[in-house]
N, C-alpha and C. Protein backbone atom coordinates (compact mmCIF):
# COMPACT_ATOMS: atom_id res chain seq x y z
N MET A 1 -12.69 -13.19 1.90
CA MET A 1 -11.27 -13.48 1.79
C MET A 1 -11.08 -14.82 1.11
N THR A 2 -10.02 -14.91 0.33
CA THR A 2 -9.67 -16.19 -0.28
C THR A 2 -8.72 -16.93 0.67
N PRO A 3 -8.48 -18.21 0.44
CA PRO A 3 -7.60 -18.96 1.35
C PRO A 3 -6.19 -18.38 1.47
N ASP A 4 -5.71 -17.67 0.46
CA ASP A 4 -4.35 -17.12 0.50
C ASP A 4 -4.26 -15.78 1.21
N THR A 5 -5.37 -15.09 1.40
CA THR A 5 -5.33 -13.79 2.07
C THR A 5 -5.42 -13.97 3.57
N ARG A 6 -5.05 -12.92 4.29
CA ARG A 6 -5.16 -12.95 5.74
C ARG A 6 -5.57 -11.56 6.21
N PRO A 7 -6.12 -11.47 7.41
CA PRO A 7 -6.44 -10.15 7.97
C PRO A 7 -5.14 -9.35 8.18
N ALA A 8 -5.19 -8.07 7.93
CA ALA A 8 -4.02 -7.22 8.14
C ALA A 8 -3.81 -6.96 9.62
N LYS A 9 -2.56 -6.75 9.98
CA LYS A 9 -2.19 -6.40 11.35
C LYS A 9 -2.07 -4.88 11.45
N PRO A 10 -2.20 -4.31 12.64
CA PRO A 10 -2.02 -2.87 12.78
C PRO A 10 -0.68 -2.41 12.19
N GLY A 11 -0.72 -1.32 11.43
CA GLY A 11 0.49 -0.79 10.82
C GLY A 11 0.77 -1.30 9.42
N GLU A 12 0.06 -2.33 8.97
CA GLU A 12 0.22 -2.81 7.60
C GLU A 12 -0.67 -1.96 6.70
N LEU A 13 -0.08 -1.39 5.67
CA LEU A 13 -0.76 -0.41 4.85
C LEU A 13 -1.06 -0.90 3.44
N CYS A 14 -2.11 -0.32 2.85
CA CYS A 14 -2.39 -0.57 1.43
C CYS A 14 -1.38 0.23 0.61
N THR A 15 -1.41 0.08 -0.68
CA THR A 15 -0.43 0.76 -1.55
C THR A 15 -0.63 2.26 -1.60
N ARG A 16 -1.71 2.77 -1.04
CA ARG A 16 -1.97 4.22 -1.03
C ARG A 16 -1.73 4.84 0.34
N GLY A 17 -1.32 4.03 1.32
CA GLY A 17 -0.94 4.55 2.62
C GLY A 17 -2.00 4.48 3.69
N ARG A 18 -3.10 3.77 3.44
CA ARG A 18 -4.15 3.61 4.44
C ARG A 18 -3.96 2.28 5.18
N GLN A 19 -4.53 2.19 6.38
CA GLN A 19 -4.48 0.93 7.12
C GLN A 19 -5.14 -0.16 6.26
N ALA A 20 -4.43 -1.25 6.05
CA ALA A 20 -4.98 -2.37 5.28
C ALA A 20 -5.94 -3.16 6.16
N ILE A 21 -6.93 -3.77 5.52
CA ILE A 21 -7.81 -4.68 6.25
C ILE A 21 -7.51 -6.13 5.87
N THR A 22 -6.92 -6.30 4.69
CA THR A 22 -6.58 -7.62 4.17
C THR A 22 -5.18 -7.56 3.57
N VAL A 23 -4.44 -8.65 3.67
CA VAL A 23 -3.13 -8.77 3.03
C VAL A 23 -3.22 -9.88 2.00
N ILE A 24 -2.80 -9.55 0.78
CA ILE A 24 -2.88 -10.48 -0.34
C ILE A 24 -1.46 -10.83 -0.79
N PRO A 25 -1.09 -12.10 -0.76
CA PRO A 25 0.22 -12.48 -1.27
C PRO A 25 0.22 -12.46 -2.80
N THR A 26 1.27 -11.90 -3.39
CA THR A 26 1.41 -11.88 -4.85
C THR A 26 2.81 -12.37 -5.22
N GLU A 27 2.93 -12.95 -6.38
CA GLU A 27 4.24 -13.40 -6.84
C GLU A 27 5.13 -12.22 -7.23
N GLN A 28 4.55 -11.23 -7.86
CA GLN A 28 5.34 -10.12 -8.39
C GLN A 28 5.76 -9.12 -7.31
N PHE A 29 4.88 -8.81 -6.35
CA PHE A 29 5.15 -7.75 -5.39
C PHE A 29 5.28 -8.22 -3.95
N GLY A 30 5.17 -9.50 -3.69
CA GLY A 30 5.16 -9.99 -2.31
C GLY A 30 3.81 -9.71 -1.67
N ASP A 31 3.77 -9.55 -0.36
CA ASP A 31 2.51 -9.26 0.34
C ASP A 31 2.09 -7.83 0.06
N VAL A 32 0.81 -7.64 -0.30
CA VAL A 32 0.26 -6.33 -0.61
C VAL A 32 -0.98 -6.10 0.24
N GLY A 33 -1.04 -4.95 0.88
CA GLY A 33 -2.19 -4.60 1.70
C GLY A 33 -3.33 -4.05 0.86
N HIS A 34 -4.55 -4.34 1.30
CA HIS A 34 -5.76 -3.83 0.64
C HIS A 34 -6.62 -3.17 1.71
N CYS A 35 -7.01 -1.89 1.49
CA CYS A 35 -7.77 -1.16 2.50
C CYS A 35 -9.27 -1.35 2.36
N GLY A 36 -9.73 -1.86 1.23
CA GLY A 36 -11.15 -2.09 1.04
C GLY A 36 -11.92 -0.87 0.59
N ILE A 37 -11.24 0.24 0.36
CA ILE A 37 -11.92 1.48 -0.07
C ILE A 37 -11.89 1.56 -1.59
N GLU A 38 -13.07 1.55 -2.20
CA GLU A 38 -13.14 1.71 -3.66
C GLU A 38 -12.60 3.08 -4.04
N GLY A 39 -11.75 3.12 -5.05
CA GLY A 39 -11.21 4.39 -5.52
C GLY A 39 -10.13 4.97 -4.62
N ALA A 40 -9.58 4.17 -3.70
CA ALA A 40 -8.55 4.69 -2.79
C ALA A 40 -7.34 5.19 -3.56
N GLY A 41 -7.07 4.61 -4.72
CA GLY A 41 -5.93 5.04 -5.51
C GLY A 41 -6.06 6.46 -6.02
N LEU A 42 -7.28 6.96 -6.06
CA LEU A 42 -7.49 8.32 -6.52
C LEU A 42 -7.26 9.34 -5.41
N ARG A 43 -7.13 8.85 -4.16
CA ARG A 43 -6.92 9.74 -3.02
C ARG A 43 -5.76 9.23 -2.16
N PRO A 44 -4.54 9.25 -2.70
CA PRO A 44 -3.41 8.72 -1.92
C PRO A 44 -3.06 9.62 -0.74
N ILE A 45 -2.40 9.04 0.24
CA ILE A 45 -1.92 9.77 1.41
C ILE A 45 -0.61 10.44 1.03
N VAL A 46 -0.48 11.72 1.35
CA VAL A 46 0.79 12.43 1.17
C VAL A 46 1.13 13.13 2.48
N PRO A 47 2.38 13.20 2.88
CA PRO A 47 3.51 12.68 2.14
C PRO A 47 3.50 11.16 2.08
N CYS A 48 4.15 10.63 1.06
CA CYS A 48 4.21 9.19 0.87
C CYS A 48 4.91 8.55 2.07
N PRO A 49 4.29 7.55 2.71
CA PRO A 49 4.91 6.91 3.88
C PRO A 49 6.21 6.17 3.56
N TRP A 50 6.47 5.86 2.28
CA TRP A 50 7.65 5.08 1.92
C TRP A 50 8.80 5.93 1.44
N CYS A 51 8.54 6.94 0.61
CA CYS A 51 9.65 7.73 0.07
C CYS A 51 9.61 9.19 0.50
N GLY A 52 8.49 9.63 1.11
CA GLY A 52 8.40 10.97 1.65
C GLY A 52 7.99 12.07 0.67
N THR A 53 7.79 11.73 -0.60
CA THR A 53 7.41 12.76 -1.56
C THR A 53 6.08 13.39 -1.18
N GLU A 54 5.92 14.65 -1.49
CA GLU A 54 4.68 15.38 -1.22
C GLU A 54 3.70 15.27 -2.39
N GLU A 55 4.11 14.63 -3.46
CA GLU A 55 3.27 14.48 -4.65
C GLU A 55 2.81 13.03 -4.78
N PRO A 56 1.56 12.80 -5.20
CA PRO A 56 1.12 11.42 -5.44
C PRO A 56 1.93 10.78 -6.57
N HIS A 57 2.03 9.47 -6.55
CA HIS A 57 2.72 8.72 -7.60
C HIS A 57 1.75 8.46 -8.75
N PHE A 58 2.25 8.56 -9.99
CA PHE A 58 1.43 8.31 -11.17
C PHE A 58 2.16 7.39 -12.13
N GLU A 59 1.39 6.58 -12.85
CA GLU A 59 1.92 5.76 -13.94
C GLU A 59 2.25 6.69 -15.11
N PRO A 60 3.08 6.24 -16.05
CA PRO A 60 3.41 7.09 -17.20
C PRO A 60 2.17 7.58 -17.97
N TRP A 61 1.11 6.79 -17.98
CA TRP A 61 -0.09 7.19 -18.72
C TRP A 61 -1.01 8.09 -17.89
N GLY A 62 -0.64 8.37 -16.61
CA GLY A 62 -1.41 9.30 -15.80
C GLY A 62 -2.25 8.70 -14.70
N GLY A 63 -2.40 7.38 -14.69
CA GLY A 63 -3.19 6.73 -13.64
C GLY A 63 -2.41 6.67 -12.34
N PRO A 64 -3.11 6.46 -11.20
CA PRO A 64 -2.42 6.37 -9.92
C PRO A 64 -1.48 5.17 -9.88
N ALA A 65 -0.37 5.32 -9.19
CA ALA A 65 0.62 4.24 -9.09
C ALA A 65 1.02 4.05 -7.63
N ARG A 66 1.47 2.86 -7.31
CA ARG A 66 2.00 2.63 -5.97
C ARG A 66 3.44 3.14 -5.94
N CYS A 67 3.93 3.47 -4.77
CA CYS A 67 5.30 3.93 -4.62
C CYS A 67 6.25 2.78 -4.99
N PRO A 68 7.31 3.08 -5.73
CA PRO A 68 8.26 2.01 -6.06
C PRO A 68 8.94 1.43 -4.81
N ASP A 69 8.90 2.15 -3.70
CA ASP A 69 9.50 1.69 -2.45
C ASP A 69 8.51 0.96 -1.55
N TYR A 70 7.29 0.68 -2.05
CA TYR A 70 6.24 0.08 -1.22
C TYR A 70 6.69 -1.22 -0.56
N THR A 71 6.39 -1.31 0.72
CA THR A 71 6.47 -2.55 1.51
C THR A 71 5.21 -2.56 2.37
N LEU A 72 4.86 -3.69 2.89
CA LEU A 72 3.65 -3.79 3.68
C LEU A 72 3.66 -2.82 4.86
N ARG A 73 4.83 -2.63 5.44
CA ARG A 73 5.01 -1.63 6.51
C ARG A 73 6.05 -0.61 6.02
N PRO A 74 5.73 0.68 6.14
CA PRO A 74 6.73 1.68 5.76
C PRO A 74 7.99 1.54 6.62
N PRO A 75 9.14 1.99 6.12
CA PRO A 75 10.40 1.82 6.86
C PRO A 75 10.34 2.34 8.30
N ALA A 76 9.66 3.43 8.56
CA ALA A 76 9.59 3.99 9.90
C ALA A 76 8.82 3.08 10.86
N GLN A 77 8.00 2.18 10.31
CA GLN A 77 7.18 1.31 11.15
C GLN A 77 7.69 -0.13 11.20
N GLU A 78 8.71 -0.45 10.43
CA GLU A 78 9.18 -1.84 10.40
C GLU A 78 9.64 -2.27 11.77
N GLN A 79 9.30 -3.49 12.11
CA GLN A 79 9.66 -4.03 13.41
C GLN A 79 11.00 -4.76 13.32
N PRO A 80 11.81 -4.75 14.37
CA PRO A 80 13.11 -5.44 14.34
C PRO A 80 12.99 -6.92 14.18
């Protein structure tokens, strides 16, 4: 881990919907979870925890993409 990262808390997910092990702060996207699984983007969780779609998200060129609604915790899990 780098000084800016922290261990993930239960319920914090990576961009593919798996439990994160590390949280990385970014300027562009805010806090982003990382699950530590190589190639996790090729095997996303469906339905999407953020928008509910049954189809994986893809970039225009065909590569895996994160949900545009991504947050560290999906809306159903957000704490008050």
